C-alpha atoms as a PDB file:
ATOM      1  CA  MET A   1       9.306 -16.212 -13.669  1.00  0.00           C
ATOM      2  CA  LYS A   2       8.570 -13.550 -11.088  1.00  0.00           C
ATOM      3  CA  LEU A   3       7.395 -10.208 -12.506  1.00  0.00           C
ATOM      4  CA  ILE A   4       6.611  -7.103 -10.439  1.00  0.00           C
ATOM      5  CA  ILE A   5       4.893  -4.202 -12.179  1.00  0.00           C
ATOM      6  CA  ILE A   6       5.501  -0.919 -10.320  1.00  0.00           C
ATOM      7  CA  SER A   7       3.268   2.029 -11.178  1.00  0.00           C
ATOM      8  CA  GLY A   8       1.777   5.124  -9.619  1.00  0.00           C
ATOM      9  CA  ARG A   9       1.599   8.865  -9.895  1.00  0.00           C
ATOM     10  CA  SER A  10       4.790  10.891 -10.198  1.00  0.00           C
ATOM     11  CA  GLY A  11       6.231  11.756  -6.801  1.00  0.00           C
ATOM     12  CA  SER A  12       4.683   8.759  -5.057  1.00  0.00           C
ATOM     13  CA  GLY A  13       7.994   6.906  -4.595  1.00  0.00           C
ATOM     14  CA  LYS A  14       8.273   4.596  -7.617  1.00  0.00           C
ATOM     15  CA  SER A  15      12.013   5.167  -8.018  1.00  0.00           C
ATOM     16  CA  THR A  16      12.591   4.372  -4.349  1.00  0.00           C
ATOM     17  CA  ALA A  17      10.545   1.171  -4.636  1.00  0.00           C
ATOM     18  CA  LEU A  18      12.393   0.124  -7.782  1.00  0.00           C
ATOM     19  CA  ARG A  19      15.779   0.682  -6.115  1.00  0.00           C
ATOM     20  CA  ALA A  20      14.663  -1.424  -3.145  1.00  0.00           C
ATOM     21  CA  LEU A  21      13.789  -4.274  -5.516  1.00  0.00           C
ATOM     22  CA  GLU A  22      17.112  -3.839  -7.319  1.00  0.00           C
ATOM     23  CA  ASP A  23      18.889  -4.196  -3.967  1.00  0.00           C
ATOM     24  CA  ALA A  24      16.880  -7.408  -3.476  1.00  0.00           C
ATOM     25  CA  ARG A  25      18.454  -8.745  -6.705  1.00  0.00           C
ATOM     26  CA  TYR A  26      15.524  -8.088  -9.022  1.00  0.00           C
ATOM     27  CA  ASN A  27      16.366  -7.216 -12.630  1.00  0.00           C
ATOM     28  CA  CYS A  28      14.825  -3.727 -12.856  1.00  0.00           C
ATOM     29  CA  ILE A  29      13.716  -1.663 -15.840  1.00  0.00           C
ATOM     30  CA  ASP A  30      12.408   1.904 -15.505  1.00  0.00           C
ATOM     31  CA  ASN A  31       9.961   3.668 -17.854  1.00  0.00           C
ATOM     32  CA  PHE A  32       9.257   0.543 -19.909  1.00  0.00           C
ATOM     33  CA  PRO A  33       6.772   0.776 -22.839  1.00  0.00           C
ATOM     34  CA  VAL A  34       3.640  -1.243 -22.088  1.00  0.00           C
ATOM     35  CA  GLU A  35       3.338  -2.532 -25.643  1.00  0.00           C
ATOM     36  CA  LEU A  36       6.738  -4.250 -25.267  1.00  0.00           C
ATOM     37  CA  LEU A  37       5.761  -6.190 -22.117  1.00  0.00           C
ATOM     38  CA  PRO A  38       4.497  -9.284 -24.027  1.00  0.00           C
ATOM     39  CA  SER A  39       7.774  -9.473 -25.959  1.00  0.00           C
ATOM     40  CA  LEU A  40       9.805  -9.057 -22.778  1.00  0.00           C
ATOM     41  CA  VAL A  41       7.969 -11.897 -21.029  1.00  0.00           C
ATOM     42  CA  LYS A  42       8.168 -14.145 -24.091  1.00  0.00           C
ATOM     43  CA  ASN A  43      11.912 -13.600 -24.493  1.00  0.00           C
ATOM     44  CA  ILE A  44      12.590 -14.293 -20.833  1.00  0.00           C
ATOM     45  CA  LEU A  45      10.534 -17.482 -20.867  1.00  0.00           C
ATOM     46  CA  THR A  46      12.432 -18.794 -23.901  1.00  0.00           C
ATOM     47  CA  GLU A  47      15.790 -18.423 -22.126  1.00  0.00           C
ATOM     48  CA  PRO A  48      16.250 -21.312 -19.651  1.00  0.00           C
ATOM     49  CA  GLY A  49      18.782 -19.365 -17.615  1.00  0.00           C
ATOM     50  CA  HIS A  50      16.404 -16.447 -17.095  1.00  0.00           C
ATOM     51  CA  ARG A  51      13.089 -18.177 -16.393  1.00  0.00           C
ATOM     52  CA  GLU A  52      13.804 -18.550 -12.677  1.00  0.00           C
ATOM     53  CA  GLU A  53      14.908 -14.947 -12.187  1.00  0.00           C
ATOM     54  CA  SER A  54      12.886 -12.053 -10.766  1.00  0.00           C
ATOM     55  CA  TYR A  55      12.079  -8.910 -12.729  1.00  0.00           C
ATOM     56  CA  ALA A  56      10.616  -5.515 -11.842  1.00  0.00           C
ATOM     57  CA  VAL A  57       9.300  -3.086 -14.433  1.00  0.00           C
ATOM     58  CA  CYS A  58       8.245   0.496 -13.710  1.00  0.00           C
ATOM     59  CA  ILE A  59       5.373   1.881 -15.773  1.00  0.00           C
ATOM     60  CA  ASP A  60       4.153   5.452 -15.362  1.00  0.00           C
ATOM     61  CA  ALA A  61       2.706   8.360 -17.278  1.00  0.00           C
ATOM     62  CA  ARG A  62       5.848   8.569 -19.427  1.00  0.00           C
ATOM     63  CA  SER A  63       5.369   5.011 -20.726  1.00  0.00           C
ATOM     64  CA  HIS A  64       3.843   4.383 -24.148  1.00  0.00           C
ATOM     65  CA  GLY A  65       0.778   2.184 -24.656  1.00  0.00           C
ATOM     66  CA  LEU A  66      -0.860   2.592 -21.247  1.00  0.00           C
ATOM     67  CA  THR A  67      -4.293   1.675 -22.620  1.00  0.00           C
ATOM     68  CA  SER A  68      -3.034  -1.780 -23.627  1.00  0.00           C
ATOM     69  CA  PHE A  69      -2.087  -2.785 -20.077  1.00  0.00           C
ATOM     70  CA  PRO A  70      -5.435  -4.470 -19.175  1.00  0.00           C
ATOM     71  CA  ASN A  71      -5.112  -6.703 -22.253  1.00  0.00           C
ATOM     72  CA  PHE A  72      -1.553  -7.659 -21.311  1.00  0.00           C
ATOM     73  CA  HIS A  73      -2.607  -8.395 -17.739  1.00  0.00           C
ATOM     74  CA  ALA A  74      -5.548 -10.538 -18.832  1.00  0.00           C
ATOM     75  CA  GLY A  75      -3.327 -12.589 -21.148  1.00  0.00           C
ATOM     76  CA  ILE A  76      -0.629 -13.494 -18.615  1.00  0.00           C
ATOM     77  CA  ASP A  77       0.116 -17.227 -18.431  1.00  0.00           C
ATOM     78  CA  VAL A  78      -0.260 -17.558 -14.652  1.00  0.00           C
ATOM     79  CA  ALA A  79       1.175 -21.078 -14.750  1.00  0.00           C
ATOM     80  CA  ARG A  80       4.517 -19.707 -15.948  1.00  0.00           C
ATOM     81  CA  VAL A  81       4.520 -16.076 -14.777  1.00  0.00           C
ATOM     82  CA  ASP A  82       3.963 -14.973 -11.173  1.00  0.00           C
ATOM     83  CA  CYS A  83       2.946 -11.363 -11.807  1.00  0.00           C
ATOM     84  CA  GLU A  84       2.011  -8.754  -9.203  1.00  0.00           C
ATOM     85  CA  VAL A  85       0.939  -5.166  -9.826  1.00  0.00           C
ATOM     86  CA  ILE A  86       2.050  -2.692  -7.143  1.00  0.00           C
ATOM     87  CA  TYR A  87       0.536   0.800  -7.300  1.00  0.00           C
ATOM     88  CA  LEU A  88       1.989   3.689  -5.293  1.00  0.00           C
ATOM     89  CA  ASP A  89      -0.017   6.813  -4.578  1.00  0.00           C
ATOM     90  CA  ALA A  90      -0.362   9.727  -2.178  1.00  0.00           C
ATOM     91  CA  LEU A  91      -2.843  12.502  -1.557  1.00  0.00           C
ATOM     92  CA  THR A  92      -2.837  15.059  -4.375  1.00  0.00           C
ATOM     93  CA  GLY A  93      -1.803  17.865  -2.018  1.00  0.00           C
ATOM     94  CA  THR A  94       1.200  15.833  -0.887  1.00  0.00           C
ATOM     95  CA  LEU A  95       2.321  15.200  -4.471  1.00  0.00           C
ATOM     96  CA  VAL A  96       2.033  18.911  -5.274  1.00  0.00           C
ATOM     97  CA  LYS A  97       4.102  19.757  -2.203  1.00  0.00           C
ATOM     98  CA  ARG A  98       6.806  17.220  -3.116  1.00  0.00           C
ATOM     99  CA  PHE A  99       7.218  18.685  -6.587  1.00  0.00           C
ATOM    100  CA  SER A 100       7.254  22.219  -5.203  1.00  0.00           C
ATOM    101  CA  GLU A 101       9.925  21.351  -2.644  1.00  0.00           C
ATOM    102  CA  THR A 102      12.195  19.465  -5.054  1.00  0.00           C
ATOM    103  CA  ARG A 103      11.558  21.844  -7.974  1.00  0.00           C
ATOM    104  CA  ARG A 104      11.304  18.867 -10.286  1.00  0.00           C
ATOM    105  CA  ARG A 105       9.235  19.182 -13.450  1.00  0.00           C
ATOM    106  CA  HIS A 106       6.192  16.928 -13.721  1.00  0.00           C
ATOM    107  CA  PRO A 107       6.317  14.923 -16.978  1.00  0.00           C
ATOM    108  CA  LEU A 108       2.805  16.054 -17.981  1.00  0.00           C
ATOM    109  CA  THR A 109       3.168  19.793 -17.375  1.00  0.00           C
ATOM    110  CA  ASN A 110       3.437  22.104 -20.373  1.00  0.00           C
ATOM    111  CA  GLU A 111       2.519  25.630 -21.413  1.00  0.00           C
ATOM    112  CA  SER A 112      -1.209  24.859 -21.030  1.00  0.00           C
ATOM    113  CA  THR A 113      -1.156  22.373 -18.110  1.00  0.00           C
ATOM    114  CA  ASP A 114      -0.162  23.397 -14.573  1.00  0.00           C
ATOM    115  CA  LEU A 115       1.149  21.066 -11.875  1.00  0.00           C
ATOM    116  CA  LEU A 116      -2.189  20.348 -10.196  1.00  0.00           C
ATOM    117  CA  GLN A 117      -3.861  19.624 -13.542  1.00  0.00           C
ATOM    118  CA  ALA A 118      -0.999  17.311 -14.517  1.00  0.00           C
ATOM    119  CA  ILE A 119      -1.245  15.310 -11.298  1.00  0.00           C
ATOM    120  CA  GLU A 120      -5.015  14.901 -11.650  1.00  0.00           C
ATOM    121  CA  SER A 121      -4.651  13.963 -15.335  1.00  0.00           C
ATOM    122  CA  GLU A 122      -2.047  11.360 -14.411  1.00  0.00           C
ATOM    123  CA  LYS A 123      -4.565   9.658 -12.124  1.00  0.00           C
ATOM    124  CA  ARG A 124      -6.923   9.189 -15.070  1.00  0.00           C
ATOM    125  CA  LEU A 125      -4.143   7.951 -17.362  1.00  0.00           C
ATOM    126  CA  LEU A 126      -3.130   5.266 -14.868  1.00  0.00           C
ATOM    127  CA  ALA A 127      -6.665   4.137 -13.961  1.00  0.00           C
ATOM    128  CA  GLY A 128      -6.314   0.976 -16.064  1.00  0.00           C
ATOM    129  CA  ILE A 129      -3.309  -0.066 -13.980  1.00  0.00           C
ATOM    130  CA  SER A 130      -4.476   1.071 -10.547  1.00  0.00           C
ATOM    131  CA  SER A 131      -7.734  -0.852 -10.930  1.00  0.00           C
ATOM    132  CA  LEU A 132      -5.740  -4.079 -11.373  1.00  0.00           C
ATOM    133  CA  ALA A 133      -3.303  -3.507  -8.501  1.00  0.00           C
ATOM    134  CA  ASP A 134      -2.641  -6.401  -6.139  1.00  0.00           C
ATOM    135  CA  LEU A 135      -1.261  -3.930  -3.609  1.00  0.00           C
ATOM    136  CA  THR A 136      -1.708  -0.168  -3.292  1.00  0.00           C
ATOM    137  CA  ILE A 137       0.790   1.619  -1.052  1.00  0.00           C
ATOM    138  CA  ASP A 138      -0.129   4.999   0.428  1.00  0.00           C
ATOM    139  CA  THR A 139       3.109   6.996   0.698  1.00  0.00           C
ATOM    140  CA  THR A 140       1.472  10.248   1.879  1.00  0.00           C
ATOM    141  CA  LEU A 141       3.221  10.206   5.255  1.00  0.00           C
ATOM    142  CA  MET A 142       5.957   7.674   4.496  1.00  0.00           C
ATOM    143  CA  ARG A 143       9.622   8.480   4.791  1.00  0.00           C
ATOM    144  CA  SER A 144      11.884   7.007   2.122  1.00  0.00           C
ATOM    145  CA  GLY A 145      13.282   4.436   4.560  1.00  0.00           C
ATOM    146  CA  GLU A 146       9.811   3.277   5.553  1.00  0.00           C
ATOM    147  CA  LEU A 147       8.861   2.734   1.914  1.00  0.00           C
ATOM    148  CA  VAL A 148      12.023   0.696   1.372  1.00  0.00           C
ATOM    149  CA  GLU A 149      11.159  -1.410   4.422  1.00  0.00           C
ATOM    150  CA  THR A 150       7.606  -1.935   3.151  1.00  0.00           C
ATOM    151  CA  VAL A 151       8.846  -3.070  -0.259  1.00  0.00           C
ATOM    152  CA  ARG A 152      11.365  -5.438   1.313  1.00  0.00           C
ATOM    153  CA  ASN A 153       8.923  -6.944   3.807  1.00  0.00           C
ATOM    154  CA  GLN A 154       5.788  -7.172   1.683  1.00  0.00           C
ATOM    155  CA  ILE A 155       7.110  -7.677  -1.830  1.00  0.00           C
ATOM    156  CA  ALA A 156      10.775  -8.577  -2.247  1.00  0.00           C
ATOM    157  CA  HIS A 157      10.942 -11.212   0.492  1.00  0.00           C
ATOM    158  CA  GLN A 158       7.378 -12.447   0.316  1.00  0.00           C
ATOM    159  CA  HIS A 159       6.879 -16.160  -0.131  1.00  0.00           C
ATOM    160  CA  ARG A 160       3.436 -17.316  -1.150  1.00  0.00           C
ATOM    161  CA  THR A 161       2.401 -18.581   2.275  1.00  0.00           C
ATOM    162  CA  GLY A 162      -0.890 -16.731   2.480  1.00  0.00           C
ATOM    163  CA  ILE A 163      -2.323 -13.271   2.463  1.00  0.00           C
ATOM    164  CA  SER A 164      -0.179 -10.328   3.592  1.00  0.00           C
ATOM    165  CA  LEU A 165      -2.222  -8.354   6.114  1.00  0.00           C
ATOM    166  CA  VAL A 166      -1.553  -4.793   7.336  1.00  0.00           C
ATOM    167  CA  PHE A 167      -3.430  -3.083  10.166  1.00  0.00           C
ATOM    168  CA  ARG A 168      -3.061   0.685   9.686  1.00  0.00           C
ATOM    169  CA  SER A 169      -4.252   3.236  12.248  1.00  0.00           C
ATOM    170  CA  PHE A 170      -5.125   6.718  11.048  1.00  0.00           C
ATOM    171  CA  GLY A 171      -6.899   9.945  11.994  1.00  0.00           C
ATOM    172  CA  TYR A 172      -9.979  10.992  10.061  1.00  0.00           C
ATOM    173  CA  LYS A 173      -8.957  14.644  10.389  1.00  0.00           C
ATOM    174  CA  PHE A 174      -6.036  13.835   8.060  1.00  0.00           C
ATOM    175  CA  GLY A 175      -8.010  11.737   5.562  1.00  0.00           C
ATOM    176  CA  VAL A 176      -8.587   8.027   4.955  1.00  0.00           C
ATOM    177  CA  PRO A 177      -5.462   6.120   3.740  1.00  0.00           C
ATOM    178  CA  VAL A 178      -5.562   5.604  -0.027  1.00  0.00           C
ATOM    179  CA  ASP A 179      -4.388   2.002   0.330  1.00  0.00           C
ATOM    180  CA  ALA A 180      -7.239   0.934   2.635  1.00  0.00           C
ATOM    181  CA  ASP A 181      -9.171  -2.175   1.547  1.00  0.00           C
ATOM    182  CA  MET A 182     -11.380  -2.219   4.652  1.00  0.00           C
ATOM    183  CA  VAL A 183     -12.069   0.740   6.955  1.00  0.00           C
ATOM    184  CA  PHE A 184     -13.375   0.552  10.523  1.00  0.00           C
ATOM    185  CA  ASP A 185     -14.551   3.806  12.106  1.00  0.00           C
ATOM    186  CA  ILE A 186     -14.129   3.700  15.897  1.00  0.00           C
ATOM    187  CA  ARG A 187     -14.785   7.371  16.663  1.00  0.00           C
ATOM    188  CA  CYS A 188     -17.851   6.374  18.678  1.00  0.00           C
ATOM    189  CA  LEU A 189     -15.637   4.876  21.418  1.00  0.00           C
ATOM    190  CA  PRO A 190     -14.576   6.797  24.563  1.00  0.00           C
ATOM    191  CA  ASN A 191     -11.734   9.161  23.682  1.00  0.00           C
ATOM    192  CA  PRO A 192      -8.605   9.320  25.916  1.00  0.00           C
ATOM    193  CA  HIS A 193      -7.876  12.726  24.383  1.00  0.00           C
ATOM    194  CA  TRP A 194     -10.357  14.244  26.848  1.00  0.00           C
ATOM    195  CA  VAL A 195      -8.448  12.854  29.841  1.00  0.00           C
ATOM    196  CA  ASP A 196      -5.720  15.404  30.590  1.00  0.00           C
ATOM    197  CA  GLU A 197      -3.055  12.937  31.743  1.00  0.00           C
ATOM    198  CA  LEU A 198      -3.651  10.666  28.725  1.00  0.00           C
ATOM    199  CA  ARG A 199      -3.698  13.338  26.011  1.00  0.00           C
ATOM    200  CA  PRO A 200       0.082  13.467  25.369  1.00  0.00           C
ATOM    201  CA  LEU A 201       0.320   9.653  25.206  1.00  0.00           C
ATOM    202  CA  THR A 202      -0.560   7.206  22.412  1.00  0.00           C
ATOM    203  CA  GLY A 203      -2.489   3.970  22.172  1.00  0.00           C
ATOM    204  CA  LYS A 204       0.728   2.020  22.781  1.00  0.00           C
ATOM    205  CA  ASP A 205       1.224   3.467  26.274  1.00  0.00           C
ATOM    206  CA  ALA A 206       0.073   1.442  29.273  1.00  0.00           C
ATOM    207  CA  PRO A 207      -2.190   4.118  30.869  1.00  0.00           C
ATOM    208  CA  VAL A 208      -4.125   4.520  27.588  1.00  0.00           C
ATOM    209  CA  ILE A 209      -4.363   0.746  27.151  1.00  0.00           C
ATOM    210  CA  ASP A 210      -5.701   0.336  30.703  1.00  0.00           C
ATOM    211  CA  TYR A 211      -8.218   3.133  30.158  1.00  0.00           C
ATOM    212  CA  LEU A 212      -9.556   1.678  26.903  1.00  0.00           C
ATOM    213  CA  GLN A 213      -9.635  -1.925  28.087  1.00  0.00           C
ATOM    214  CA  ALA A 214     -11.819  -0.844  30.996  1.00  0.00           C
ATOM    215  CA  GLN A 215     -14.468   0.433  28.551  1.00  0.00           C
ATOM    216  CA  PRO A 216     -17.094  -2.244  27.661  1.00  0.00           C
ATOM    217  CA  ALA A 217     -17.805  -0.625  24.272  1.00  0.00           C
ATOM    218  CA  VAL A 218     -14.147  -0.935  23.288  1.00  0.00           C
ATOM    219  CA  ASN A 219     -14.116  -4.671  23.942  1.00  0.00           C
ATOM    220  CA  GLU A 220     -17.417  -5.115  22.136  1.00  0.00           C
ATOM    221  CA  MET A 221     -16.043  -3.266  19.097  1.00  0.00           C
ATOM    222  CA  PHE A 222     -12.893  -5.394  19.136  1.00  0.00           C
ATOM    223  CA  ASP A 223     -14.893  -8.620  19.306  1.00  0.00           C
ATOM    224  CA  ASP A 224     -17.150  -7.540  16.428  1.00  0.00           C
ATOM    225  CA  ILE A 225     -14.201  -6.573  14.185  1.00  0.00           C
ATOM    226  CA  VAL A 226     -12.441  -9.864  14.958  1.00  0.00           C
ATOM    227  CA  ARG A 227     -15.517 -11.902  14.096  1.00  0.00           C
ATOM    228  CA  PHE A 228     -15.944 -10.027  10.830  1.00  0.00           C
ATOM    229  CA  LEU A 229     -12.300 -10.413   9.801  1.00  0.00           C
ATOM    230  CA  GLU A 230     -12.075 -14.065  10.849  1.00  0.00           C
ATOM    231  CA  ARG A 231     -15.056 -14.799   8.635  1.00  0.00           C
ATOM    232  CA  TRP A 232     -14.117 -12.798   5.554  1.00  0.00           C
ATOM    233  CA  ILE A 233     -10.308 -12.633   5.298  1.00  0.00           C
ATOM    234  CA  PRO A 234     -10.093 -16.396   4.537  1.00  0.00           C
ATOM    235  CA  ARG A 235     -12.614 -15.817   1.725  1.00  0.00           C
ATOM    236  CA  PHE A 236     -10.353 -13.205   0.165  1.00  0.00           C
ATOM    237  CA  GLU A 237      -7.338 -15.463   0.696  1.00  0.00           C
ATOM    238  CA  ALA A 238      -9.132 -18.354  -1.018  1.00  0.00           C
ATOM    239  CA  ASP A 239      -9.772 -16.003  -3.942  1.00  0.00           C
ATOM    240  CA  ASN A 240      -5.974 -15.602  -4.322  1.00  0.00           C
ATOM    241  CA  ARG A 241      -5.865 -12.157  -2.722  1.00  0.00           C
ATOM    242  CA  ALA A 242      -2.206 -11.488  -1.890  1.00  0.00           C
ATOM    243  CA  TYR A 243      -2.511  -8.277   0.139  1.00  0.00           C
ATOM    244  CA  MET A 244      -5.055  -6.562   2.338  1.00  0.00           C
ATOM    245  CA  THR A 245      -4.862  -3.333   4.346  1.00  0.00           C
ATOM    246  CA  VAL A 246      -7.322  -2.976   7.222  1.00  0.00           C
ATOM    247  CA  ALA A 247      -7.513   0.686   8.245  1.00  0.00           C
ATOM    248  CA  VAL A 248      -8.770   1.618  11.711  1.00  0.00           C
ATOM    249  CA  GLY A 249      -9.622   5.272  12.226  1.00  0.00           C
ATOM    250  CA  CYS A 250     -10.373   7.606  15.099  1.00  0.00           C
ATOM    251  CA  THR A 251     -10.366  11.403  15.148  1.00  0.00           C
ATOM    252  CA  GLY A 252      -6.671  12.175  15.533  1.00  0.00           C
ATOM    253  CA  GLY A 253      -5.125   8.752  14.961  1.00  0.00           C
ATOM    254  CA  ARG A 254      -3.122   8.706  18.202  1.00  0.00           C
ATOM    255  CA  HIS A 255      -5.126   6.853  20.844  1.00  0.00           C
ATOM    256  CA  ARG A 256      -8.101   4.631  19.975  1.00  0.00           C
ATOM    257  CA  SER A 257      -7.061   3.611  16.470  1.00  0.00           C
ATOM    258  CA  VAL A 258      -3.478   2.894  17.551  1.00  0.00           C
ATOM    259  CA  TYR A 259      -4.690   0.782  20.478  1.00  0.00           C
ATOM    260  CA  MET A 260      -7.194  -1.141  18.338  1.00  0.00           C
ATOM    261  CA  SER A 261      -4.705  -1.773  15.511  1.00  0.00           C
ATOM    262  CA  GLU A 262      -2.134  -3.097  17.975  1.00  0.00           C
ATOM    263  CA  ARG A 263      -4.726  -5.333  19.604  1.00  0.00           C
ATOM    264  CA  LEU A 264      -5.869  -6.678  16.226  1.00  0.00           C
ATOM    265  CA  TRP A 265      -2.252  -7.291  15.215  1.00  0.00           C
ATOM    266  CA  ASN A 266      -1.682  -9.266  18.406  1.00  0.00           C
ATOM    267  CA  HIS A 267      -4.781 -11.346  17.708  1.00  0.00           C
ATOM    268  CA  PHE A 268      -4.022 -12.133  14.053  1.00  0.00           C
ATOM    269  CA  HIS A 269      -0.221 -12.308  14.185  1.00  0.00           C
ATOM    270  CA  GLY A 270       0.856 -15.789  13.115  1.00  0.00           C
ATOM    271  CA  ARG A 271      -2.548 -16.703  11.677  1.00  0.00           C
ATOM    272  CA  PHE A 272      -1.712 -15.487   8.169  1.00  0.00           C
ATOM    273  CA  GLY A 273       1.404 -15.376   6.016  1.00  0.00           C
ATOM    274  CA  ASN A 274       2.580 -11.899   6.969  1.00  0.00           C
ATOM    275  CA  VAL A 275       0.830  -9.595   9.456  1.00  0.00           C
ATOM    276  CA  LEU A 276       2.103  -6.050  10.054  1.00  0.00           C
ATOM    277  CA  VAL A 277       0.884  -3.031  12.015  1.00  0.00           C
ATOM    278  CA  ARG A 278       1.523   0.578  11.004  1.00  0.00           C
ATOM    279  CA  HIS A 279       0.489   3.859  12.651  1.00  0.00           C
ATOM    280  CA  ARG A 280       0.233   6.682  10.132  1.00  0.00           C
ATOM    281  CA  GLU A 281      -0.066   9.618  12.488  1.00  0.00           C
ATOM    282  CA  THR A 282       2.490   8.590  15.126  1.00  0.00           C
ATOM    283  CA  GLU A 283       5.315   7.181  12.994  1.00  0.00           C
ATOM    284  CA  VAL A 284       6.190  10.356  11.134  1.00  0.00           C
END
């Protein structure tokens, strides 16, 4: 039995993720009470025709029994149930903006709790789930279509052939991605932004690539990151880690971090089960 638990703060894209799994032929249930999860799993396992099917359950702040989730998770029979916890989140300011734009009502707001307080309270309510997440997806700058693609590529169509690795470039001026497992700060490297003809380009353009590859410090940084990852990613993989996001940051997230993430993707592509590269500041 395959079981995906989708959770996250309201406005982070849970409904979109659940629809993507439904399109991938998962049996999906929204707003499911946590205390009923053991009964759901037990009933499915006792039905021969259902044991080989895939299920996705969405749990959020509306669900009852949130505090019992760690006990459920600890008691899963891993020999019979392949369970993954996927947690979606975004920066608090982004969630506030999404609710303001759509004029939706947050499920935790009331006469004494405003929107910002509700969103912060929701983070505390879901801490028991987020701390157990196999994969955290930062949807701060994701379009709906990109989230669907991420769910399809990393979750719905994933076969257990090794760790799923994402290299994500970002700009520190916009904040560190919430889904980062490892963060490499490369702001000490020469910055193409200060070269007039390179400023409008990105780290995927040939003139920027040529400029950075000619810098000894850039190649030294690349070699050091590769050595670190080659040593430690297999350790995480051996510990049954299914997903890992390696975030690479520079100041604006357009030149150095994009170049380095692309170069790391080229180096590691094909060495692990699924290796992707994403550029937060240039793909919006």
